[in-house]
PDB file of N, CA and C in Angstrom:
ATOM      1  N   UNK A   1     163.431 107.681 149.058  1.00  0.00           N
ATOM      2  CA  UNK A   1     163.171 108.870 148.272  1.00  0.00           C
ATOM      3  C   UNK A   1     163.861 108.702 146.917  1.00  0.00           C
ATOM      4  N   UNK A   2     163.113 108.902 145.859  1.00  0.00           N
ATOM      5  CA  UNK A   2     163.660 108.738 144.518  1.00  0.00           C
ATOM      6  C   UNK A   2     164.208 110.065 144.001  1.00  0.00           C
ATOM      7  N   UNK A   3     164.932 109.995 142.896  1.00  0.00           N
ATOM      8  CA  UNK A   3     165.436 111.231 142.279  1.00  0.00           C
ATOM      9  C   UNK A   3     164.289 112.141 141.880  1.00  0.00           C
ATOM     10  N   UNK A   4     163.211 111.558 141.407  1.00  0.00           N
ATOM     11  CA  UNK A   4     162.052 112.370 141.034  1.00  0.00           C
ATOM     12  C   UNK A   4     161.465 113.078 142.243  1.00  0.00           C
ATOM     13  N   UNK A   5     161.440 112.392 143.386  1.00  0.00           N
ATOM     14  CA  UNK A   5     160.948 113.021 144.618  1.00  0.00           C
ATOM     15  C   UNK A   5     161.828 114.195 145.016  1.00  0.00           C
ATOM     16  N   UNK A   6     163.141 114.005 144.910  1.00  0.00           N
ATOM     17  CA  UNK A   6     164.084 115.066 145.255  1.00  0.00           C
ATOM     18  C   UNK A   6     163.918 116.243 144.307  1.00  0.00           C
ATOM     19  N   UNK A   7     163.834 115.941 143.011  1.00  0.00           N
ATOM     20  CA  UNK A   7     163.656 117.002 142.024  1.00  0.00           C
ATOM     21  C   UNK A   7     162.348 117.745 142.269  1.00  0.00           C
ATOM     22  N   UNK A   8     161.294 117.007 142.597  1.00  0.00           N
ATOM     23  CA  UNK A   8     160.005 117.632 142.876  1.00  0.00           C
ATOM     24  C   UNK A   8     160.097 118.549 144.087  1.00  0.00           C
ATOM     25  N   UNK A   9     160.809 118.110 145.108  1.00  0.00           N
ATOM     26  CA  UNK A   9     160.964 118.935 146.304  1.00  0.00           C
ATOM     27  C   UNK A   9     161.752 120.199 146.002  1.00  0.00           C
ATOM     28  N   UNK A  10     162.782 120.089 145.189  1.00  0.00           N
ATOM     29  CA  UNK A  10     163.614 121.241 144.857  1.00  0.00           C
ATOM     30  C   UNK A  10     162.857 122.236 143.993  1.00  0.00           C
ATOM     31  N   UNK A  11     162.080 121.735 143.044  1.00  0.00           N
ATOM     32  CA  UNK A  11     161.362 122.631 142.135  1.00  0.00           C
ATOM     33  C   UNK A  11     160.060 123.136 142.740  1.00  0.00           C
ATOM     34  N   UNK A  12     159.633 122.543 143.852  1.00  0.00           N
ATOM     35  CA  UNK A  12     158.371 122.947 144.459  1.00  0.00           C
ATOM     36  C   UNK A  12     157.184 122.267 143.820  1.00  0.00           C
ATOM     37  N   UNK A  13     157.430 121.289 142.990  1.00  0.00           N
ATOM     38  CA  UNK A  13     156.366 120.585 142.298  1.00  0.00           C
ATOM     39  C   UNK A  13     155.603 119.706 143.282  1.00  0.00           C
ATOM     40  N   UNK A  14     154.322 119.677 143.159  1.00  0.00           N
ATOM     41  CA  UNK A  14     153.496 118.804 143.967  1.00  0.00           C
ATOM     42  C   UNK A  14     153.170 117.575 143.134  1.00  0.00           C
ATOM     43  N   UNK A  15     152.826 116.524 143.807  1.00  0.00           N
ATOM     44  CA  UNK A  15     152.564 115.268 143.112  1.00  0.00           C
ATOM     45  C   UNK A  15     151.340 115.348 142.194  1.00  0.00           C
ATOM     46  N   UNK A  16     150.370 116.184 142.496  1.00  0.00           N
ATOM     47  CA  UNK A  16     149.152 116.222 141.700  1.00  0.00           C
ATOM     48  C   UNK A  16     149.209 117.227 140.560  1.00  0.00           C
ATOM     49  N   UNK A  17     150.030 118.229 140.660  1.00  0.00           N
ATOM     50  CA  UNK A  17     150.115 119.231 139.594  1.00  0.00           C
ATOM     51  C   UNK A  17     151.563 119.553 139.302  1.00  0.00           C
ATOM     52  N   UNK A  18     151.771 120.054 138.119  1.00  0.00           N
ATOM     53  CA  UNK A  18     153.113 120.438 137.711  1.00  0.00           C
ATOM     54  C   UNK A  18     153.185 121.958 137.722  1.00  0.00           C
ATOM     55  N   UNK A  19     154.007 122.514 138.603  1.00  0.00           N
ATOM     56  CA  UNK A  19     154.170 123.957 138.684  1.00  0.00           C
ATOM     57  C   UNK A  19     155.616 124.312 138.385  1.00  0.00           C
ATOM     58  N   UNK A  20     155.816 125.145 137.400  1.00  0.00           N
ATOM     59  CA  UNK A  20     157.172 125.529 137.029  1.00  0.00           C
ATOM     60  C   UNK A  20     157.434 127.002 137.300  1.00  0.00           C
ATOM     61  N   UNK A  21     156.496 127.673 137.936  1.00  0.00           N
ATOM     62  CA  UNK A  21     156.688 129.087 138.235  1.00  0.00           C
ATOM     63  C   UNK A  21     156.737 129.939 136.979  1.00  0.00           C
ATOM     64  N   UNK A  22     156.154 129.449 135.895  1.00  0.00           N
ATOM     65  CA  UNK A  22     156.134 130.198 134.647  1.00  0.00           C
ATOM     66  C   UNK A  22     157.433 130.085 133.859  1.00  0.00           C
ATOM     67  N   UNK A  23     158.349 129.277 134.335  1.00  0.00           N
ATOM     68  CA  UNK A  23     159.632 129.109 133.651  1.00  0.00           C
ATOM     69  C   UNK A  23     159.589 127.856 132.789  1.00  0.00           C
ATOM     70  N   UNK A  24     160.457 127.819 131.800  1.00  0.00           N
ATOM     71  CA  UNK A  24     160.490 126.640 130.944  1.00  0.00           C
ATOM     72  C   UNK A  24     161.702 125.764 131.204  1.00  0.00           C
ATOM     73  N   UNK A  25     162.504 126.128 132.196  1.00  0.00           N
ATOM     74  CA  UNK A  25     163.667 125.318 132.562  1.00  0.00           C
ATOM     75  C   UNK A  25     164.048 125.586 134.011  1.00  0.00           C
ATOM     76  N   UNK A  26     164.777 124.662 134.632  1.00  0.00           N
ATOM     77  CA  UNK A  26     165.150 124.857 136.037  1.00  0.00           C
ATOM     78  C   UNK A  26     166.164 125.987 136.201  1.00  0.00           C
ATOM     79  N   UNK A  27     166.152 126.587 137.366  1.00  0.00           N
ATOM     80  CA  UNK A  27     167.115 127.645 137.644  1.00  0.00           C
ATOM     81  C   UNK A  27     168.471 127.034 137.985  1.00  0.00           C
ATOM     82  N   UNK A  28     169.503 127.851 137.912  1.00  0.00           N
ATOM     83  CA  UNK A  28     170.853 127.391 138.275  1.00  0.00           C
ATOM     84  C   UNK A  28     170.896 126.948 139.736  1.00  0.00           C
ATOM     85  N   UNK A  29     170.162 127.642 140.595  1.00  0.00           N
ATOM     86  CA  UNK A  29     170.130 127.276 142.012  1.00  0.00           C
ATOM     87  C   UNK A  29     169.502 125.899 142.218  1.00  0.00           C
ATOM     88  N   UNK A  30     168.421 125.616 141.500  1.00  0.00           N
ATOM     89  CA  UNK A  30     167.785 124.307 141.608  1.00  0.00           C
ATOM     90  C   UNK A  30     168.748 123.202 141.152  1.00  0.00           C
ATOM     91  N   UNK A  31     169.413 123.450 140.047  1.00  0.00           N
ATOM     92  CA  UNK A  31     170.365 122.467 139.529  1.00  0.00           C
ATOM     93  C   UNK A  31     171.504 122.272 140.533  1.00  0.00           C
ATOM     94  N   UNK A  32     172.012 123.364 141.062  1.00  0.00           N
ATOM     95  CA  UNK A  32     173.122 123.286 142.013  1.00  0.00           C
ATOM     96  C   UNK A  32     172.729 122.505 143.263  1.00  0.00           C
ATOM     97  N   UNK A  33     171.507 122.724 143.771  1.00  0.00           N
ATOM     98  CA  UNK A  33     171.067 122.002 144.973  1.00  0.00           C
ATOM     99  C   UNK A  33     170.978 120.502 144.713  1.00  0.00           C
ATOM    100  N   UNK A  34     170.421 120.115 143.566  1.00  0.00           N
ATOM    101  CA  UNK A  34     170.304 118.695 143.270  1.00  0.00           C
ATOM    102  C   UNK A  34     171.677 118.085 142.980  1.00  0.00           C
ATOM    103  N   UNK A  35     172.538 118.801 142.280  1.00  0.00           N
ATOM    104  CA  UNK A  35     173.895 118.312 142.018  1.00  0.00           C
ATOM    105  C   UNK A  35     174.642 118.120 143.338  1.00  0.00           C
ATOM    106  N   UNK A  36     174.453 119.035 144.266  1.00  0.00           N
ATOM    107  CA  UNK A  36     175.092 118.896 145.579  1.00  0.00           C
ATOM    108  C   UNK A  36     174.541 117.673 146.316  1.00  0.00           C
ATOM    109  N   UNK A  37     173.256 117.442 146.177  1.00  0.00           N
ATOM    110  CA  UNK A  37     172.660 116.251 146.784  1.00  0.00           C
ATOM    111  C   UNK A  37     173.317 114.990 146.216  1.00  0.00           C
ATOM    112  N   UNK A  38     173.539 114.944 144.916  1.00  0.00           N
ATOM    113  CA  UNK A  38     174.208 113.796 144.302  1.00  0.00           C
ATOM    114  C   UNK A  38     175.608 113.629 144.887  1.00  0.00           C
ATOM    115  N   UNK A  39     176.314 114.725 145.048  1.00  0.00           N
ATOM    116  CA  UNK A  39     177.664 114.718 145.637  1.00  0.00           C
ATOM    117  C   UNK A  39     177.623 114.148 147.061  1.00  0.00           C
ATOM    118  N   UNK A  40     176.679 114.618 147.851  1.00  0.00           N
ATOM    119  CA  UNK A  40     176.539 114.149 149.228  1.00  0.00           C
ATOM    120  C   UNK A  40     176.190 112.666 149.257  1.00  0.00           C
ATOM    121  N   UNK A  41     175.272 112.253 148.394  1.00  0.00           N
ATOM    122  CA  UNK A  41     174.836 110.859 148.350  1.00  0.00           C
ATOM    123  C   UNK A  41     175.985 109.923 147.984  1.00  0.00           C
ATOM    124  N   UNK A  42     176.882 110.379 147.157  1.00  0.00           N
ATOM    125  CA  UNK A  42     178.024 109.587 146.709  1.00  0.00           C
ATOM    126  C   UNK A  42     179.129 109.560 147.771  1.00  0.00           C
ATOM    127  N   UNK A  43     178.945 110.205 148.887  1.00  0.00           N
ATOM    128  CA  UNK A  43     179.945 110.193 149.951  1.00  0.00           C
ATOM    129  C   UNK A  43     180.977 111.295 149.814  1.00  0.00           C
ATOM    130  N   UNK A  44     180.601 112.374 149.168  1.00  0.00           N
ATOM    131  CA  UNK A  44     181.466 113.557 149.002  1.00  0.00           C
ATOM    132  C   UNK A  44     182.771 113.249 148.267  1.00  0.00           C
ATOM    133  N   UNK A  45     182.713 112.298 147.362  1.00  0.00           N
ATOM    134  CA  UNK A  45     183.895 112.001 146.549  1.00  0.00           C
ATOM    135  C   UNK A  45     183.991 113.011 145.421  1.00  0.00           C
ATOM    136  N   UNK A  46     185.129 113.642 145.300  1.00  0.00           N
ATOM    137  CA  UNK A  46     185.360 114.664 144.281  1.00  0.00           C
ATOM    138  C   UNK A  46     185.570 114.030 142.902  1.00  0.00           C
ATOM    139  N   UNK A  47     185.504 114.895 141.886  1.00  0.00           N
ATOM    140  CA  UNK A  47     185.819 114.470 140.534  1.00  0.00           C
ATOM    141  C   UNK A  47     184.622 114.146 139.670  1.00  0.00           C
ATOM    142  N   UNK A  48     183.403 114.353 140.195  1.00  0.00           N
ATOM    143  CA  UNK A  48     182.201 114.045 139.426  1.00  0.00           C
ATOM    144  C   UNK A  48     181.296 115.267 139.292  1.00  0.00           C
ATOM    145  N   UNK A  49     181.861 116.445 139.483  1.00  0.00           N
ATOM    146  CA  UNK A  49     181.046 117.655 139.510  1.00  0.00           C
ATOM    147  C   UNK A  49     180.285 117.886 138.211  1.00  0.00           C
ATOM    148  N   UNK A  50     180.932 117.673 137.089  1.00  0.00           N
ATOM    149  CA  UNK A  50     180.257 117.901 135.799  1.00  0.00           C
ATOM    150  C   UNK A  50     179.158 116.860 135.601  1.00  0.00           C
ATOM    151  N   UNK A  51     179.460 115.608 135.929  1.00  0.00           N
ATOM    152  CA  UNK A  51     178.447 114.557 135.815  1.00  0.00           C
ATOM    153  C   UNK A  51     177.256 114.849 136.716  1.00  0.00           C
ATOM    154  N   UNK A  52     177.527 115.289 137.942  1.00  0.00           N
ATOM    155  CA  UNK A  52     176.444 115.621 138.874  1.00  0.00           C
ATOM    156  C   UNK A  52     175.598 116.764 138.330  1.00  0.00           C
ATOM    157  N   UNK A  53     176.257 117.781 137.802  1.00  0.00           N
ATOM    158  CA  UNK A  53     175.528 118.935 137.272  1.00  0.00           C
ATOM    159  C   UNK A  53     174.638 118.515 136.107  1.00  0.00           C
ATOM    160  N   UNK A  54     175.207 117.756 135.173  1.00  0.00           N
ATOM    161  CA  UNK A  54     174.440 117.341 133.994  1.00  0.00           C
ATOM    162  C   UNK A  54     173.292 116.410 134.378  1.00  0.00           C
ATOM    163  N   UNK A  55     173.526 115.518 135.326  1.00  0.00           N
ATOM    164  CA  UNK A  55     172.463 114.624 135.792  1.00  0.00           C
ATOM    165  C   UNK A  55     171.342 115.412 136.461  1.00  0.00           C
ATOM    166  N   UNK A  56     171.712 116.373 137.278  1.00  0.00           N
ATOM    167  CA  UNK A  56     170.712 117.205 137.959  1.00  0.00           C
ATOM    168  C   UNK A  56     169.923 118.024 136.947  1.00  0.00           C
ATOM    169  N   UNK A  57     170.616 118.600 135.991  1.00  0.00           N
ATOM    170  CA  UNK A  57     169.946 119.399 134.959  1.00  0.00           C
ATOM    171  C   UNK A  57     168.962 118.533 134.177  1.00  0.00           C
ATOM    172  N   UNK A  58     169.381 117.344 133.805  1.00  0.00           N
ATOM    173  CA  UNK A  58     168.514 116.445 133.050  1.00  0.00           C
ATOM    174  C   UNK A  58     167.293 116.034 133.874  1.00  0.00           C
ATOM    175  N   UNK A  59     167.507 115.665 135.118  1.00  0.00           N
ATOM    176  CA  UNK A  59     166.410 115.234 135.976  1.00  0.00           C
ATOM    177  C   UNK A  59     165.395 116.356 136.188  1.00  0.00           C
ATOM    178  N   UNK A  60     165.882 117.548 136.468  1.00  0.00           N
ATOM    179  CA  UNK A  60     164.972 118.669 136.705  1.00  0.00           C
ATOM    180  C   UNK A  60     164.273 119.125 135.437  1.00  0.00           C
ATOM    181  N   UNK A  61     164.951 119.069 134.322  1.00  0.00           N
ATOM    182  CA  UNK A  61     164.353 119.503 133.055  1.00  0.00           C
ATOM    183  C   UNK A  61     163.139 118.666 132.720  1.00  0.00           C
ATOM    184  N   UNK A  62     163.154 117.401 133.085  1.00  0.00           N
ATOM    185  CA  UNK A  62     161.990 116.533 132.822  1.00  0.00           C
ATOM    186  C   UNK A  62     160.747 117.066 133.532  1.00  0.00           C
ATOM    187  N   UNK A  63     160.921 117.748 134.651  1.00  0.00           N
ATOM    188  CA  UNK A  63     159.787 118.285 135.402  1.00  0.00           C
ATOM    189  C   UNK A  63     159.238 119.573 134.788  1.00  0.00           C
ATOM    190  N   UNK A  64     159.959 120.134 133.853  1.00  0.00           N
ATOM    191  CA  UNK A  64     159.526 121.385 133.225  1.00  0.00           C
ATOM    192  C   UNK A  64     158.867 121.141 131.886  1.00  0.00           C
ATOM    193  N   UNK A  65     158.720 119.908 131.488  1.00  0.00           N
ATOM    194  CA  UNK A  65     158.106 119.604 130.186  1.00  0.00           C
ATOM    195  C   UNK A  65     156.696 119.168 130.357  1.00  0.00           C
TER     196      UNK A  65
END
């Protein structure tokens, strides 16, 4: 599963169409879920929360353009 697949699952995006729910950016909850996924994937090592948040925000924002 790629980051794009994860982001698509979190945002509800389907592979054939882009649905943003009428929003132009991801919600805080969507960002938080993906950032938490990054934390879990890294083995729950602390100290990267800001990096995880920014990475999640960037990845999800690409799906809203």
